[in-house]
Amino acid sequence: NPFALTIASHRDPKTPLEARFSLNYCIGLGLLGHRAALADFSEERLADATLRSLSRIVETVPDDSIERWGSKIEVTGEDGGIVTETVAAALGSLGRPMGWPELEAKFLMVAEPAMGKRAQAMLSALRSFDQPGALEEVVAIVSSAPSS
């Protein structure tokens, strides 16, 4: 979708933050079997020569027929054969919302590097946030954070 090219327009990202907003980089990650997890947007991954080389040859073309959160990829092999895949809606979009297992996995992927083992406790507290005492539990978990 043309909107994706607007928000993820960094063709040759120089920083992990730019890589998060680079269709070329994210497509390269996927083609190399990476999940586009937090660790995939590190200085180390950004320096990967194979990934950099692959992402440089990715060509992004806007297509108004693709829904806002959808995508279509065509990969041309060395033999000239073309493989095409279309995704109507990205995981986490309104057209394909995440269920609890995906939400929990994403939360832990982001929270564990910062919180360690406390991330699981935080997830449990947040899952039952509508229960009495949950706010106090969240505050206690956050307050027990090691100082930096």
Protein backbone atom coordinates (compact mmCIF):
# COMPACT_ATOMS: atom_id res chain seq x y z
CA ASN A 1 0.00 0.00 0.00
CA PRO A 2 1.36 3.47 -0.81
CA PHE A 3 0.94 4.48 2.86
CA ALA A 4 3.59 1.91 3.86
CA LEU A 5 6.10 3.67 1.63
CA THR A 6 5.34 6.93 3.42
CA ILE A 7 5.94 5.63 6.94
CA ALA A 8 8.71 3.13 6.17
CA SER A 9 10.70 5.07 3.61
CA HIS A 10 14.31 4.58 4.78
CA ARG A 11 15.85 2.73 1.84
CA ASP A 12 19.33 2.46 3.41
CA PRO A 13 18.93 2.64 7.19
CA LYS A 14 21.94 3.77 9.19
CA THR A 15 20.53 3.30 12.69
CA PRO A 16 18.33 0.68 14.39
CA LEU A 17 15.52 3.25 14.56
CA GLU A 18 15.73 3.92 10.82
CA ALA A 19 15.73 0.15 10.24
CA ARG A 20 12.34 -0.08 11.98
CA PHE A 21 11.03 2.35 9.38
CA SER A 22 12.56 0.67 6.35
CA LEU A 23 10.48 -1.61 4.15
CA ASN A 24 13.63 -2.74 2.37
CA TYR A 25 15.30 -3.77 5.61
CA CYS A 26 12.19 -5.49 6.99
CA ILE A 27 11.62 -7.37 3.74
CA GLY A 28 15.26 -8.46 3.80
CA LEU A 29 14.81 -9.70 7.37
CA GLY A 30 11.80 -11.78 6.34
CA LEU A 31 13.50 -13.22 3.29
CA LEU A 32 16.40 -14.33 5.49
CA GLY A 33 14.05 -16.00 7.98
CA HIS A 34 14.12 -13.40 10.76
CA ARG A 35 10.94 -12.47 12.66
CA ALA A 36 11.58 -8.71 12.80
CA ALA A 37 11.83 -9.04 16.58
CA LEU A 38 13.48 -6.41 18.76
CA ALA A 39 16.92 -8.03 18.38
CA ASP A 40 16.63 -7.73 14.60
CA PHE A 41 16.81 -3.94 14.94
CA SER A 42 20.21 -3.88 16.64
CA GLU A 43 23.54 -2.43 15.49
CA GLU A 44 24.82 -5.99 15.09
CA ARG A 45 21.98 -7.10 12.79
CA LEU A 46 22.15 -3.79 10.91
CA ALA A 47 25.81 -4.54 10.12
CA ASP A 48 24.98 -7.98 8.63
CA ALA A 49 26.49 -7.83 5.13
CA THR A 50 24.08 -10.39 3.64
CA LEU A 51 21.07 -8.55 4.99
CA ARG A 52 22.40 -5.17 3.81
CA SER A 53 23.11 -6.53 0.34
CA LEU A 54 19.67 -8.12 0.05
CA SER A 55 17.80 -5.08 1.34
CA ARG A 56 19.57 -2.87 -1.21
CA ILE A 57 18.12 -4.84 -4.13
CA VAL A 58 14.56 -4.80 -2.79
CA GLU A 59 12.33 -2.68 -4.98
CA THR A 60 9.19 -1.28 -3.37
CA VAL A 61 6.31 -0.33 -5.64
CA PRO A 62 3.13 1.40 -4.42
CA ASP A 63 -0.09 -0.44 -5.29
CA ASP A 64 -3.42 1.24 -4.58
CA SER A 65 -5.23 -2.10 -4.84
CA ILE A 66 -3.54 -3.33 -1.64
CA GLU A 67 -5.47 -2.47 1.53
CA ARG A 68 -3.80 -0.13 4.04
CA TRP A 69 -2.46 -2.89 6.33
CA GLY A 70 -1.97 -5.50 3.61
CA SER A 71 1.03 -6.35 1.50
CA LYS A 72 2.09 -8.26 -1.56
CA ILE A 73 5.56 -9.54 -2.30
CA GLU A 74 6.99 -10.91 -5.50
CA VAL A 75 10.37 -12.61 -5.41
CA THR A 76 12.19 -13.25 -8.67
CA GLY A 77 14.66 -16.10 -8.44
CA GLU A 78 17.94 -16.39 -10.30
CA ASP A 79 16.20 -18.72 -12.77
CA GLY A 80 13.60 -16.01 -13.53
CA GLY A 81 10.82 -17.81 -11.68
CA ILE A 82 8.49 -15.61 -9.65
CA VAL A 83 6.95 -16.46 -6.29
CA THR A 84 4.12 -14.20 -5.11
CA GLU A 85 2.48 -13.94 -1.70
CA THR A 86 -0.28 -11.59 -0.58
CA VAL A 87 -1.27 -10.82 3.01
CA ALA A 88 -4.67 -9.12 3.29
CA ALA A 89 -3.95 -7.67 6.74
CA ALA A 90 -0.85 -7.59 8.92
CA LEU A 91 -0.94 -9.35 12.28
CA GLY A 92 -2.01 -6.79 14.86
CA SER A 93 -4.07 -4.69 12.46
CA LEU A 94 -7.84 -4.21 12.68
CA GLY A 95 -8.31 -6.79 9.94
CA ARG A 96 -6.21 -9.38 11.80
CA PRO A 97 -6.09 -8.60 15.51
CA MET A 98 -3.70 -10.42 17.81
CA GLY A 99 -5.07 -12.95 20.23
CA TRP A 100 -3.79 -13.31 23.79
CA PRO A 101 -0.97 -15.71 22.85
CA GLU A 102 0.43 -13.24 20.27
CA LEU A 103 -0.05 -10.25 22.60
CA GLU A 104 1.72 -12.05 25.45
CA ALA A 105 4.62 -13.10 23.21
CA LYS A 106 5.02 -9.55 21.90
CA PHE A 107 4.84 -8.05 25.39
CA LEU A 108 7.48 -10.43 26.72
CA MET A 109 9.72 -9.90 23.67
CA VAL A 110 9.76 -6.16 24.37
CA ALA A 111 9.61 -6.18 28.18
CA GLU A 112 12.06 -8.98 29.08
CA PRO A 113 15.20 -7.17 27.88
CA ALA A 114 14.35 -4.26 30.19
CA MET A 115 12.64 -6.08 33.07
CA GLY A 116 14.11 -9.55 33.11
CA LYS A 117 12.07 -12.05 35.13
CA ARG A 118 9.79 -9.27 36.36
CA ALA A 119 8.25 -9.09 32.86
CA GLN A 120 6.24 -12.26 33.44
CA ALA A 121 4.95 -10.93 36.76
CA MET A 122 4.03 -7.65 35.06
CA LEU A 123 2.16 -9.51 32.34
CA SER A 124 0.17 -11.45 34.94
CA ALA A 125 -0.66 -8.26 36.82
CA LEU A 126 -1.75 -6.49 33.65
CA ARG A 127 -3.90 -9.41 32.53
CA SER A 128 -5.93 -9.07 35.73
CA PHE A 129 -5.78 -5.28 35.94
CA ASP A 130 -9.53 -5.03 36.52
CA GLN A 131 -9.17 -6.91 39.82
CA PRO A 132 -8.80 -5.16 43.20
CA GLY A 133 -5.15 -4.60 44.12
CA ALA A 134 -3.83 -4.91 40.57
CA LEU A 135 -2.61 -1.31 40.40
CA GLU A 136 -0.66 -1.75 43.60
CA GLU A 137 0.88 -4.94 42.20
CA VAL A 138 1.95 -3.13 39.01
CA VAL A 139 3.45 -0.29 41.06
CA ALA A 140 5.32 -2.79 43.24
CA ILE A 141 6.77 -4.54 40.17
CA VAL A 142 7.86 -1.25 38.61
CA SER A 143 9.24 0.00 41.93
CA SER A 144 11.39 -3.10 42.30
CA ALA A 145 13.26 -2.20 39.11
CA PRO A 146 17.02 -2.14 39.51
CA SER A 147 18.36 1.41 39.33
CA SER A 148 20.58 2.25 36.38
